[in-house]
N, C-alpha and C. Protein backbone atom coordinates (compact mmCIF):
# COMPACT_ATOMS: atom_id res chain seq x y z
N MET A 1 0.67 -1.09 0.05
CA MET A 1 0.05 0.03 0.12
C MET A 1 0.83 1.21 0.08
N GLN A 2 2.09 1.07 0.68
CA GLN A 2 2.68 2.18 0.63
C GLN A 2 3.37 2.68 -0.57
N LYS A 3 3.75 1.47 -1.23
CA LYS A 3 4.00 1.98 -2.65
C LYS A 3 3.07 2.51 -3.52
N PHE A 4 1.68 2.24 -3.43
CA PHE A 4 0.92 2.69 -3.94
C PHE A 4 0.76 4.28 -4.03
N GLY A 5 0.76 4.46 -2.58
CA GLY A 5 0.65 5.87 -1.99
C GLY A 5 1.87 6.90 -2.58
N HIS A 6 2.62 6.22 -2.40
CA HIS A 6 4.31 6.86 -3.36
C HIS A 6 4.25 6.81 -5.12
N MET A 7 3.41 6.11 -5.52
CA MET A 7 3.33 6.59 -6.90
C MET A 7 2.15 7.46 -7.05
N SER A 8 0.94 7.59 -6.53
CA SER A 8 0.19 8.60 -6.74
C SER A 8 0.63 9.87 -6.06
N ILE A 9 1.37 9.91 -5.25
CA ILE A 9 2.03 11.42 -4.83
C ILE A 9 3.08 11.96 -6.03
N ARG A 10 3.94 10.75 -6.78
CA ARG A 10 4.91 11.27 -7.93
C ARG A 10 3.82 11.68 -8.94
N HIS A 11 3.15 10.97 -9.49
CA HIS A 11 2.27 11.33 -10.77
C HIS A 11 1.43 12.33 -10.18
N ALA A 12 1.02 13.36 -8.84
CA ALA A 12 0.27 14.28 -8.90
C ALA A 12 1.65 15.49 -8.78
N ARG A 13 2.75 15.16 -8.47
CA ARG A 13 3.83 16.18 -8.51
C ARG A 13 3.94 16.46 -10.44
N TYR A 14 4.09 15.22 -11.35
CA TYR A 14 4.09 15.76 -12.38
C TYR A 14 2.72 16.09 -13.14
N GLY A 15 1.88 15.93 -12.81
CA GLY A 15 0.55 16.53 -13.35
C GLY A 15 0.23 17.87 -12.91
N ALA A 16 1.13 18.59 -12.14
CA ALA A 16 0.85 20.00 -11.55
C ALA A 16 1.02 21.35 -12.36
N GLY A 17 1.80 21.23 -13.63
CA GLY A 17 2.02 21.90 -14.04
C GLY A 17 1.67 21.98 -15.58
N PHE A 18 2.08 22.68 -16.95
CA PHE A 18 2.18 22.57 -18.32
C PHE A 18 3.39 22.27 -18.54
N THR A 19 3.37 21.36 -19.99
CA THR A 19 4.36 21.15 -20.40
C THR A 19 5.13 22.21 -21.21
N LEU A 20 5.89 22.14 -21.92
CA LEU A 20 6.71 23.23 -22.96
C LEU A 20 5.55 23.10 -24.36
N ILE A 21 5.41 22.10 -24.50
CA ILE A 21 4.52 21.98 -25.67
C ILE A 21 3.17 22.51 -25.43
N GLU A 22 2.61 22.34 -24.15
CA GLU A 22 1.40 22.66 -23.99
C GLU A 22 1.33 24.51 -24.02
N LEU A 23 2.43 24.96 -23.79
CA LEU A 23 2.39 26.48 -23.46
C LEU A 23 2.84 26.79 -24.57
N MET A 24 3.42 26.47 -25.73
CA MET A 24 3.74 26.74 -26.81
C MET A 24 2.45 26.74 -27.53
N VAL A 25 1.73 25.59 -27.48
CA VAL A 25 0.56 25.43 -28.66
C VAL A 25 -0.45 26.59 -27.61
N THR A 26 -0.82 26.68 -26.53
CA THR A 26 -1.47 27.95 -25.87
C THR A 26 -1.02 29.69 -26.45
N LEU A 27 0.18 29.44 -26.64
CA LEU A 27 0.71 30.98 -27.09
C LEU A 27 0.53 31.08 -28.50
N VAL A 28 0.50 30.19 -29.23
CA VAL A 28 0.33 30.25 -30.75
C VAL A 28 -1.11 30.38 -31.12
N ILE A 29 -2.21 29.84 -30.54
CA ILE A 29 -3.45 30.05 -30.13
C ILE A 29 -3.85 31.30 -30.05
N ALA A 30 -3.15 32.00 -29.00
CA ALA A 30 -3.76 33.14 -28.37
C ALA A 30 -2.87 34.56 -29.71
N ALA A 31 -1.96 34.00 -30.28
CA ALA A 31 -0.98 34.81 -30.77
C ALA A 31 -2.25 34.99 -32.30
N ILE A 32 -2.44 33.97 -32.65
CA ILE A 32 -3.61 34.02 -33.73
C ILE A 32 -4.67 34.52 -33.80
N LEU A 33 -5.80 34.67 -32.45
CA LEU A 33 -6.61 35.13 -31.96
C LEU A 33 -6.60 36.42 -32.04
N ALA A 34 -5.05 36.99 -31.64
CA ALA A 34 -4.76 38.34 -31.50
C ALA A 34 -4.60 39.22 -32.68
N ALA A 35 -4.21 38.49 -33.79
CA ALA A 35 -4.09 38.75 -35.25
C ALA A 35 -5.09 38.94 -35.98
N LEU A 36 -6.19 37.98 -35.69
CA LEU A 36 -7.57 38.27 -36.10
C LEU A 36 -8.30 39.12 -35.82
N SER A 37 -8.30 39.33 -34.37
CA SER A 37 -9.05 40.49 -33.77
C SER A 37 -8.34 41.59 -33.82
N ALA A 38 -7.41 42.14 -34.58
CA ALA A 38 -6.70 43.48 -34.30
C ALA A 38 -7.48 44.58 -35.66
N PRO A 39 -7.68 44.20 -36.38
CA PRO A 39 -8.66 44.84 -37.31
C PRO A 39 -10.07 45.35 -36.59
N TYR A 40 -11.04 44.22 -36.22
CA TYR A 40 -12.08 44.71 -35.48
C TYR A 40 -11.76 45.45 -34.56
N MET A 41 -10.41 45.29 -33.91
CA MET A 41 -10.36 46.39 -32.36
C MET A 41 -10.16 47.78 -33.13
N ARG A 42 -9.23 47.86 -33.83
CA ARG A 42 -9.28 49.24 -34.94
C ARG A 42 -10.51 49.57 -35.25
N ASP A 43 -11.70 48.78 -35.97
CA ASP A 43 -12.74 49.44 -36.17
C ASP A 43 -13.28 50.16 -35.08
N PHE A 44 -13.48 49.18 -34.07
CA PHE A 44 -14.18 49.18 -32.39
C PHE A 44 -13.66 50.81 -32.13
N ILE A 45 -12.38 51.18 -31.76
CA ILE A 45 -12.05 52.12 -31.61
C ILE A 45 -11.79 53.50 -32.69
N THR A 46 -12.15 53.37 -33.90
CA THR A 46 -12.32 54.64 -34.68
C THR A 46 -13.72 54.70 -34.73
N ARG A 47 -14.72 53.92 -34.57
CA ARG A 47 -15.87 54.12 -34.58
C ARG A 47 -16.68 54.79 -33.18
N ASN A 48 -15.72 54.19 -32.15
CA ASN A 48 -15.98 54.88 -30.51
C ASN A 48 -15.39 56.43 -30.86
N LYS A 49 -14.37 56.47 -31.46
CA LYS A 49 -13.47 58.19 -31.56
C LYS A 49 -14.46 59.14 -32.23
N VAL A 50 -15.08 58.42 -33.43
CA VAL A 50 -16.31 59.13 -34.39
C VAL A 50 -17.33 59.50 -33.59
N ALA A 51 -18.18 58.48 -33.21
CA ALA A 51 -19.13 58.70 -32.05
C ALA A 51 -18.67 59.74 -30.93
N GLY A 52 -17.68 59.88 -30.15
CA GLY A 52 -17.45 60.72 -29.35
C GLY A 52 -17.41 62.13 -29.82
N ILE A 53 -16.82 62.64 -31.17
CA ILE A 53 -16.47 63.96 -31.45
C ILE A 53 -17.90 64.33 -32.05
N SER A 54 -18.36 63.39 -32.92
CA SER A 54 -19.62 63.60 -33.01
C SER A 54 -20.83 64.06 -31.94
N ASN A 55 -20.92 63.56 -30.87
CA ASN A 55 -21.39 63.91 -29.58
C ASN A 55 -21.17 64.79 -29.01
N GLU A 56 -19.75 65.20 -28.84
CA GLU A 56 -19.31 66.53 -28.21
C GLU A 56 -19.39 67.62 -28.68
N PHE A 57 -19.73 67.64 -30.48
CA PHE A 57 -19.76 68.61 -31.27
C PHE A 57 -21.23 69.26 -30.82
N THR A 58 -22.28 67.81 -31.31
CA THR A 58 -23.83 68.21 -31.18
C THR A 58 -24.17 68.77 -29.88
N GLY A 59 -23.00 67.95 -28.74
CA GLY A 59 -23.29 68.48 -27.14
C GLY A 59 -23.03 70.05 -27.04
N SER A 60 -22.60 70.36 -27.85
CA SER A 60 -21.79 71.78 -27.58
C SER A 60 -22.71 72.67 -28.25
N LEU A 61 -23.61 72.40 -29.45
CA LEU A 61 -24.58 72.88 -30.17
C LEU A 61 -25.67 72.86 -29.16
N LEU A 62 -26.07 71.89 -28.30
CA LEU A 62 -27.44 72.03 -27.70
C LEU A 62 -26.99 72.98 -26.23
N ARG A 63 -25.57 72.72 -25.88
CA ARG A 63 -25.44 73.60 -24.86
C ARG A 63 -25.42 75.13 -25.38
N ALA A 64 -24.99 75.79 -26.49
CA ALA A 64 -25.10 76.87 -26.68
C ALA A 64 -26.76 77.27 -26.68
N ARG A 65 -27.58 76.40 -27.46
CA ARG A 65 -29.11 76.85 -27.74
C ARG A 65 -29.86 76.57 -26.07
N ASN A 66 -29.22 75.66 -25.47
CA ASN A 66 -29.98 75.81 -24.23
C ASN A 66 -29.40 77.34 -23.22
N GLU A 67 -28.27 77.47 -23.19
CA GLU A 67 -27.88 78.67 -22.56
C GLU A 67 -28.46 80.12 -23.06
N ALA A 68 -28.72 80.07 -24.56
CA ALA A 68 -29.38 81.15 -24.84
C ALA A 68 -30.59 81.35 -24.57
N VAL A 69 -31.62 80.49 -24.73
CA VAL A 69 -32.78 80.05 -23.93
C VAL A 69 -32.90 80.49 -22.65
N SER A 70 -32.17 79.79 -21.61
CA SER A 70 -32.46 79.83 -20.27
C SER A 70 -31.77 81.31 -20.06
N LYS A 71 -30.87 81.93 -20.37
CA LYS A 71 -29.91 83.14 -19.88
C LYS A 71 -30.97 84.55 -21.03
N ASN A 72 -31.57 83.99 -21.95
CA ASN A 72 -32.55 84.88 -22.45
C ASN A 72 -31.70 86.05 -23.00
N THR A 73 -30.90 85.38 -23.68
CA THR A 73 -29.66 86.14 -24.48
C THR A 73 -29.04 85.49 -25.68
N CYS A 74 -28.04 85.79 -26.44
CA CYS A 74 -27.58 85.39 -27.67
C CYS A 74 -26.35 84.52 -27.20
N ILE A 75 -25.89 83.51 -27.76
CA ILE A 75 -25.04 82.42 -27.46
C ILE A 75 -24.48 82.31 -29.02
N THR A 76 -23.10 82.52 -29.09
CA THR A 76 -22.08 82.21 -30.17
C THR A 76 -21.33 81.20 -29.93
N MET A 77 -21.37 80.74 -30.96
CA MET A 77 -20.41 79.43 -31.11
C MET A 77 -19.52 79.65 -32.49
N CYS A 78 -18.09 79.50 -32.08
CA CYS A 78 -17.51 79.99 -33.18
C CYS A 78 -15.99 79.06 -33.49
N THR A 79 -15.47 78.97 -34.41
CA THR A 79 -13.89 77.92 -34.87
C THR A 79 -13.22 78.97 -33.66
N SER A 80 -12.13 78.34 -33.06
CA SER A 80 -11.05 78.80 -32.56
C SER A 80 -10.00 77.79 -32.49
N THR A 81 -8.78 78.03 -33.20
CA THR A 81 -7.55 77.67 -32.85
C THR A 81 -6.92 78.31 -31.44
N THR A 82 -7.08 79.15 -30.82
CA THR A 82 -6.89 79.57 -29.58
C THR A 82 -7.77 78.75 -28.39
N ALA A 83 -8.38 77.78 -28.76
CA ALA A 83 -9.41 77.44 -27.43
C ALA A 83 -8.82 76.76 -26.23
N SER A 84 -7.37 76.36 -26.44
CA SER A 84 -6.90 76.11 -25.17
C SER A 84 -6.22 77.43 -24.49
N ASN A 85 -6.22 78.49 -24.68
CA ASN A 85 -5.47 79.71 -24.30
C ASN A 85 -6.79 80.30 -23.53
N ASP A 86 -6.05 81.14 -22.40
CA ASP A 86 -7.34 81.90 -21.43
C ASP A 86 -7.96 82.45 -22.18
N LEU A 87 -7.85 83.45 -22.99
CA LEU A 87 -9.23 84.03 -23.83
C LEU A 87 -9.16 83.69 -25.09
N PRO A 88 -9.62 82.86 -25.63
CA PRO A 88 -10.12 82.46 -26.87
C PRO A 88 -10.50 83.43 -27.57
N GLN A 89 -10.45 83.34 -29.07
CA GLN A 89 -10.72 84.30 -29.82
C GLN A 89 -11.36 83.37 -31.22
N CYS A 90 -12.11 83.76 -31.88
CA CYS A 90 -12.60 83.36 -33.06
C CYS A 90 -11.83 83.13 -34.18
N VAL A 91 -11.88 82.28 -35.20
CA VAL A 91 -11.08 82.49 -36.33
C VAL A 91 -11.77 82.94 -37.43
N ALA A 92 -11.34 83.81 -38.21
CA ALA A 92 -12.17 84.65 -39.37
C ALA A 92 -12.38 83.78 -40.35
N ALA A 93 -13.13 83.46 -41.14
CA ALA A 93 -13.19 82.86 -42.39
C ALA A 93 -12.77 81.54 -42.35
N SER A 94 -13.18 80.76 -41.42
CA SER A 94 -12.82 79.16 -41.50
C SER A 94 -14.04 78.33 -41.31
N SER A 95 -13.82 77.21 -41.87
CA SER A 95 -14.68 76.46 -41.81
C SER A 95 -14.22 74.91 -41.17
N ASP A 96 -12.84 74.87 -40.62
CA ASP A 96 -12.35 73.97 -39.78
C ASP A 96 -12.63 74.08 -38.38
N TRP A 97 -13.58 73.14 -38.03
CA TRP A 97 -14.03 72.97 -36.48
C TRP A 97 -13.47 72.32 -35.91
N ASN A 98 -12.41 71.67 -36.44
CA ASN A 98 -11.38 70.37 -35.73
C ASN A 98 -10.46 71.13 -34.92
N ALA A 99 -10.35 72.76 -35.25
CA ALA A 99 -9.22 73.19 -34.56
C ALA A 99 -9.44 73.68 -33.05
N GLY A 100 -10.82 73.41 -33.01
CA GLY A 100 -11.53 73.89 -31.61
C GLY A 100 -12.33 74.84 -31.76
N TRP A 101 -13.29 75.10 -30.61
CA TRP A 101 -14.63 76.13 -30.93
C TRP A 101 -14.73 76.53 -29.48
N VAL A 102 -15.37 77.62 -29.37
CA VAL A 102 -15.69 78.31 -28.31
C VAL A 102 -17.31 78.28 -28.16
N LEU A 103 -17.52 78.81 -27.01
CA LEU A 103 -18.92 79.52 -26.71
C LEU A 103 -19.06 80.33 -25.78
N PHE A 104 -19.99 81.62 -26.38
CA PHE A 104 -19.68 82.57 -25.51
C PHE A 104 -20.97 83.47 -25.55
N ILE A 105 -21.19 84.20 -24.61
CA ILE A 105 -22.45 85.39 -24.52
C ILE A 105 -22.43 86.46 -25.11
N ASN A 106 -22.95 86.44 -25.75
CA ASN A 106 -23.35 87.75 -27.26
C ASN A 106 -24.32 88.49 -26.89
N GLU A 107 -24.37 89.46 -25.83
CA GLU A 107 -25.89 90.39 -25.64
C GLU A 107 -26.32 91.41 -26.61
N ALA A 108 -25.06 91.44 -27.39
CA ALA A 108 -25.54 92.31 -28.80
C ALA A 108 -25.98 91.23 -30.05
N CYS A 109 -26.13 90.12 -29.41
CA CYS A 109 -26.89 89.12 -30.89
C CYS A 109 -26.12 89.50 -32.35
N ASP A 110 -24.83 89.70 -32.29
CA ASP A 110 -24.38 90.36 -33.27
C ASP A 110 -23.53 89.02 -33.87
N PRO A 111 -23.63 88.35 -34.68
CA PRO A 111 -22.96 87.17 -35.37
C PRO A 111 -21.55 87.74 -35.96
N ALA A 112 -21.34 88.94 -36.36
CA ALA A 112 -20.02 89.36 -36.47
C ALA A 112 -19.11 89.77 -35.17
N ASP A 113 -19.78 89.56 -33.90
CA ASP A 113 -18.73 89.75 -32.85
C ASP A 113 -18.19 88.47 -32.63
N THR A 114 -17.00 88.29 -32.61
CA THR A 114 -15.69 87.52 -32.57
C THR A 114 -14.78 87.44 -31.64
N THR A 115 -15.12 88.42 -30.53
CA THR A 115 -14.01 88.86 -29.68
C THR A 115 -14.50 88.27 -28.54
N PRO A 116 -14.92 87.70 -27.72
CA PRO A 116 -15.72 87.35 -26.25
C PRO A 116 -14.41 87.83 -25.11
N ALA A 117 -15.18 88.58 -24.30
CA ALA A 117 -14.87 88.67 -23.25
C ALA A 117 -14.70 87.50 -22.22
N ALA A 118 -13.70 87.70 -21.13
CA ALA A 118 -13.30 86.58 -20.30
C ALA A 118 -14.45 86.11 -19.59
N ALA A 119 -15.55 87.34 -19.06
CA ALA A 119 -16.63 86.77 -18.36
C ALA A 119 -17.78 86.20 -18.94
N ASP A 120 -17.86 86.45 -20.39
CA ASP A 120 -18.93 85.87 -21.19
C ASP A 120 -18.52 84.48 -21.58
N LEU A 121 -17.14 84.28 -21.14
CA LEU A 121 -16.80 82.42 -21.99
C LEU A 121 -17.87 81.66 -21.45
N VAL A 122 -18.73 80.70 -21.82
CA VAL A 122 -19.16 79.46 -21.31
C VAL A 122 -18.60 78.15 -21.69
N LEU A 123 -17.54 77.86 -22.70
CA LEU A 123 -16.95 76.92 -23.33
C LEU A 123 -16.05 77.05 -24.15
N ALA A 124 -14.77 76.52 -23.94
CA ALA A 124 -13.75 76.36 -24.80
C ALA A 124 -13.13 75.15 -24.93
N ARG A 125 -13.28 74.54 -26.36
CA ARG A 125 -12.61 73.25 -27.05
C ARG A 125 -11.61 73.30 -27.66
N GLY A 126 -10.34 72.59 -27.07
CA GLY A 126 -9.12 72.56 -27.62
C GLY A 126 -9.32 71.90 -28.93
N ALA A 127 -8.01 71.80 -29.88
CA ALA A 127 -8.13 71.21 -31.28
C ALA A 127 -8.03 69.45 -31.00
N GLY A 128 -8.91 68.74 -31.82
CA GLY A 128 -8.83 67.54 -31.88
C GLY A 128 -7.92 66.78 -33.06
N ALA A 129 -8.29 65.58 -32.67
CA ALA A 129 -7.30 64.80 -33.44
C ALA A 129 -7.32 65.02 -34.98
N THR A 130 -6.07 65.06 -35.79
CA THR A 130 -5.87 65.25 -36.91
C THR A 130 -6.43 64.46 -37.71
N HIS A 131 -6.52 62.81 -37.29
CA HIS A 131 -7.06 62.28 -38.04
C HIS A 131 -8.43 61.92 -38.28
N TYR A 132 -9.21 63.23 -37.21
CA TYR A 132 -10.81 63.25 -37.76
C TYR A 132 -11.11 64.35 -37.69
N PRO A 133 -10.96 65.31 -39.05
CA PRO A 133 -11.13 66.12 -39.28
C PRO A 133 -12.57 66.36 -39.26
N LEU A 134 -12.96 67.61 -38.81
CA LEU A 134 -14.71 68.08 -38.44
C LEU A 134 -14.69 69.42 -39.24
N SER A 135 -15.63 69.56 -40.27
CA SER A 135 -15.80 70.87 -41.11
C SER A 135 -17.27 70.97 -41.76
N SER A 136 -17.40 72.57 -41.97
CA SER A 136 -18.37 72.94 -42.29
C SER A 136 -18.70 72.38 -43.83
N SER A 137 -19.86 72.21 -44.43
CA SER A 137 -20.06 71.82 -45.79
C SER A 137 -19.90 73.15 -46.63
N GLU A 138 -20.42 74.17 -46.07
CA GLU A 138 -19.85 75.60 -46.47
C GLU A 138 -18.56 75.91 -46.24
N ALA A 139 -18.27 76.73 -47.35
CA ALA A 139 -16.83 77.33 -47.10
C ALA A 139 -16.76 78.78 -46.22
N ASP A 140 -15.83 78.69 -45.17
CA ASP A 140 -15.79 80.30 -44.42
C ASP A 140 -17.07 80.40 -43.80
N THR A 141 -17.36 79.22 -43.31
CA THR A 141 -18.43 79.12 -42.10
C THR A 141 -18.27 79.06 -40.78
N ASN A 142 -17.96 79.80 -40.12
CA ASN A 142 -17.37 79.82 -38.73
C ASN A 142 -18.09 80.27 -37.38
N THR A 143 -19.17 80.91 -37.66
CA THR A 143 -19.84 81.11 -36.55
C THR A 143 -21.54 80.53 -36.60
N ILE A 144 -21.78 80.34 -35.22
CA ILE A 144 -23.51 80.00 -35.24
C ILE A 144 -23.83 80.97 -34.14
N THR A 145 -24.87 81.92 -34.16
CA THR A 145 -25.29 82.42 -33.26
C THR A 145 -26.71 82.17 -32.73
N PHE A 146 -27.12 81.51 -31.53
CA PHE A 146 -28.57 81.09 -31.36
C PHE A 146 -29.10 82.35 -30.39
N ASP A 147 -30.22 82.54 -30.88
CA ASP A 147 -30.96 83.78 -30.16
C ASP A 147 -31.88 83.45 -28.84
N GLN A 148 -32.47 83.79 -28.13
CA GLN A 148 -33.36 83.91 -27.17
C GLN A 148 -34.11 82.69 -26.90
N ARG A 149 -34.83 82.49 -28.59
CA ARG A 149 -35.54 81.19 -28.63
C ARG A 149 -35.00 79.96 -28.72
N GLY A 150 -33.57 80.10 -28.91
CA GLY A 150 -32.96 78.96 -29.66
C GLY A 150 -32.73 78.95 -30.87
N ASN A 151 -33.25 79.64 -31.71
CA ASN A 151 -33.39 79.97 -33.08
C ASN A 151 -31.67 80.37 -33.44
N ILE A 152 -30.91 79.99 -34.81
CA ILE A 152 -29.97 80.40 -35.40
C ILE A 152 -30.80 81.72 -35.74
N ARG A 153 -29.65 82.54 -35.48
CA ARG A 153 -29.70 84.07 -35.58
C ARG A 153 -29.53 84.25 -37.11
N ASP A 154 -29.99 85.64 -38.22
CA ASP A 154 -29.59 85.53 -39.10
C ASP A 154 -27.97 86.03 -39.30
N GLY A 155 -27.48 85.52 -40.46
CA GLY A 155 -26.19 85.52 -40.68
C GLY A 155 -25.49 84.58 -40.10
N GLY A 156 -26.04 83.44 -39.35
CA GLY A 156 -25.20 82.38 -38.74
C GLY A 156 -25.43 81.27 -39.35
N VAL A 157 -24.37 80.17 -39.61
CA VAL A 157 -24.35 79.03 -40.42
C VAL A 157 -25.42 77.94 -39.77
N ALA A 158 -26.28 77.36 -40.77
CA ALA A 158 -27.06 76.32 -40.72
C ALA A 158 -26.79 75.44 -41.56
N GLY A 159 -26.74 74.22 -41.34
CA GLY A 159 -26.49 73.22 -42.65
C GLY A 159 -25.74 72.26 -42.20
N ARG A 160 -25.02 71.45 -42.62
CA ARG A 160 -23.93 70.11 -42.66
C ARG A 160 -22.46 70.22 -42.24
N PHE A 161 -22.46 69.47 -41.14
CA PHE A 161 -21.12 69.83 -40.75
C PHE A 161 -20.74 68.02 -41.03
N ASP A 162 -19.17 68.15 -41.75
CA ASP A 162 -18.80 66.50 -42.09
C ASP A 162 -17.72 66.27 -41.00
N LEU A 163 -17.78 64.92 -40.67
CA LEU A 163 -16.59 64.28 -39.68
C LEU A 163 -16.21 63.34 -40.65
N ALA A 164 -14.96 63.25 -41.29
CA ALA A 164 -14.31 62.42 -42.02
C ALA A 164 -13.07 61.91 -41.04
N GLU A 165 -13.15 60.54 -40.89
CA GLU A 165 -11.94 60.05 -40.48
C GLU A 165 -11.21 59.44 -41.22
N GLN A 166 -10.08 59.14 -40.58
CA GLN A 166 -8.85 58.94 -41.68
C GLN A 166 -8.28 57.65 -41.32
N MET A 167 -8.76 57.01 -40.36
CA MET A 167 -7.76 55.75 -39.89
C MET A 167 -8.52 54.71 -40.96
N THR A 168 -10.01 54.39 -41.09
CA THR A 168 -10.17 53.29 -41.96
C THR A 168 -11.10 53.45 -43.23
N HIS A 169 -10.00 54.94 -43.86
CA HIS A 169 -10.51 55.18 -45.10
C HIS A 169 -12.09 55.45 -45.42
N GLY A 170 -12.54 56.32 -44.17
CA GLY A 170 -13.82 56.86 -44.45
C GLY A 170 -14.83 55.61 -43.88
N LYS A 171 -14.44 54.67 -43.44
CA LYS A 171 -15.59 53.75 -43.37
C LYS A 171 -16.91 54.18 -42.46
N PHE A 172 -16.32 55.28 -41.73
CA PHE A 172 -17.08 55.48 -40.00
C PHE A 172 -17.63 57.10 -40.32
N ASN A 173 -17.29 57.46 -41.50
CA ASN A 173 -17.52 58.91 -41.95
C ASN A 173 -19.17 59.09 -41.54
N ARG A 174 -19.57 60.45 -40.78
CA ARG A 174 -20.85 60.68 -40.62
C ARG A 174 -21.28 62.21 -40.74
N SER A 175 -22.18 62.51 -41.09
CA SER A 175 -22.39 64.27 -41.12
C SER A 175 -23.55 64.51 -40.18
N ILE A 176 -23.44 65.90 -39.56
CA ILE A 176 -24.45 66.55 -38.77
C ILE A 176 -24.96 67.55 -39.29
N CYS A 177 -26.29 67.43 -39.31
CA CYS A 177 -26.96 68.69 -39.51
C CYS A 177 -27.56 69.51 -38.95
N LEU A 178 -27.48 70.71 -38.98
CA LEU A 178 -28.17 71.99 -38.23
C LEU A 178 -29.23 72.44 -38.78
N ASP A 179 -30.68 72.53 -38.24
CA ASP A 179 -31.30 73.36 -38.85
C ASP A 179 -31.44 74.51 -38.58
N ARG A 180 -32.19 75.65 -39.14
CA ARG A 180 -32.54 76.86 -38.81
C ARG A 180 -33.08 77.42 -37.28
N LEU A 181 -34.04 76.03 -37.05
CA LEU A 181 -34.26 75.97 -35.35
C LEU A 181 -33.27 75.71 -34.32
N GLY A 182 -32.25 75.56 -35.02
CA GLY A 182 -31.12 74.81 -33.97
C GLY A 182 -30.86 73.32 -33.50
N ARG A 183 -31.86 72.57 -34.26
CA ARG A 183 -31.89 71.41 -34.00
C ARG A 183 -30.95 70.53 -35.07
N THR A 184 -30.08 69.26 -33.98
CA THR A 184 -29.30 68.59 -34.86
C THR A 184 -29.89 67.26 -35.04
N ARG A 185 -29.09 66.61 -36.07
CA ARG A 185 -29.72 65.14 -36.48
C ARG A 185 -28.33 64.75 -36.93
N LEU A 186 -28.16 63.23 -36.74
CA LEU A 186 -26.94 62.70 -37.71
C LEU A 186 -27.46 62.14 -38.69
N VAL A 187 -26.76 62.26 -40.03
CA VAL A 187 -26.88 61.78 -41.49
C VAL A 187 -26.23 61.04 -42.12
N ASP A 188 -25.77 60.19 -43.16
CA ASP A 188 -25.00 59.66 -43.81
C ASP A 188 -24.20 60.58 -43.98
N PHE A 189 -22.90 60.27 -44.40
CA PHE A 189 -21.74 61.07 -44.62
C PHE A 189 -22.01 61.93 -46.13
N GLU A 190 -22.15 63.46 -46.27
CA GLU A 190 -22.46 64.28 -47.23
C GLU A 190 -23.73 63.86 -47.62
N SER A 191 -24.68 63.92 -47.09
CA SER A 191 -26.37 63.52 -47.23
C SER A 191 -26.52 65.08 -47.24
N GLU A 192 -27.47 65.05 -48.24
CA GLU A 192 -28.32 66.21 -48.08
C GLU A 192 -29.25 66.51 -46.62
N CYS A 193 -29.00 67.34 -46.04
CA CYS A 193 -30.06 68.07 -44.80
C CYS A 193 -31.36 68.22 -45.31
């Protein structure tokens, strides 16, 4: 009986770990699975980045509209390359919203007002990733002014904003439509609003 007990201890000792071949097969299978899932992971990351940027942009538009209604004044949203500085300014004649944007109180309701005072600043967003350009479909449209009712003030841009990602050759491109009433909706890339 002791001999039987001795053999079972020895067999238990040898069965406690992996052999080198078992470990190598496991690593090869893991490498194959990683290689197969890499394109899907890239697509997942790109799709989420595009969704994040479009949600941030539409959220900023909604915030500008809500601030205009709640404060009973005009709010301007404009492109800005200095959105990360202490006092950002609007960029004249630019349709590149990827450079950043600012929201500020515009009591005069003048769409041409592009110099917010520090006390009037509502939001400043810095430049986005260069692989995800966001631009207006109309040339030189850099200002959106919402009036007290939440509508776009005359002289402000309404139309389509195109988000064209370059990581998967445009597979997840989308467009954001903004109507004169200040409402937004997502549409297929470069579709008519």
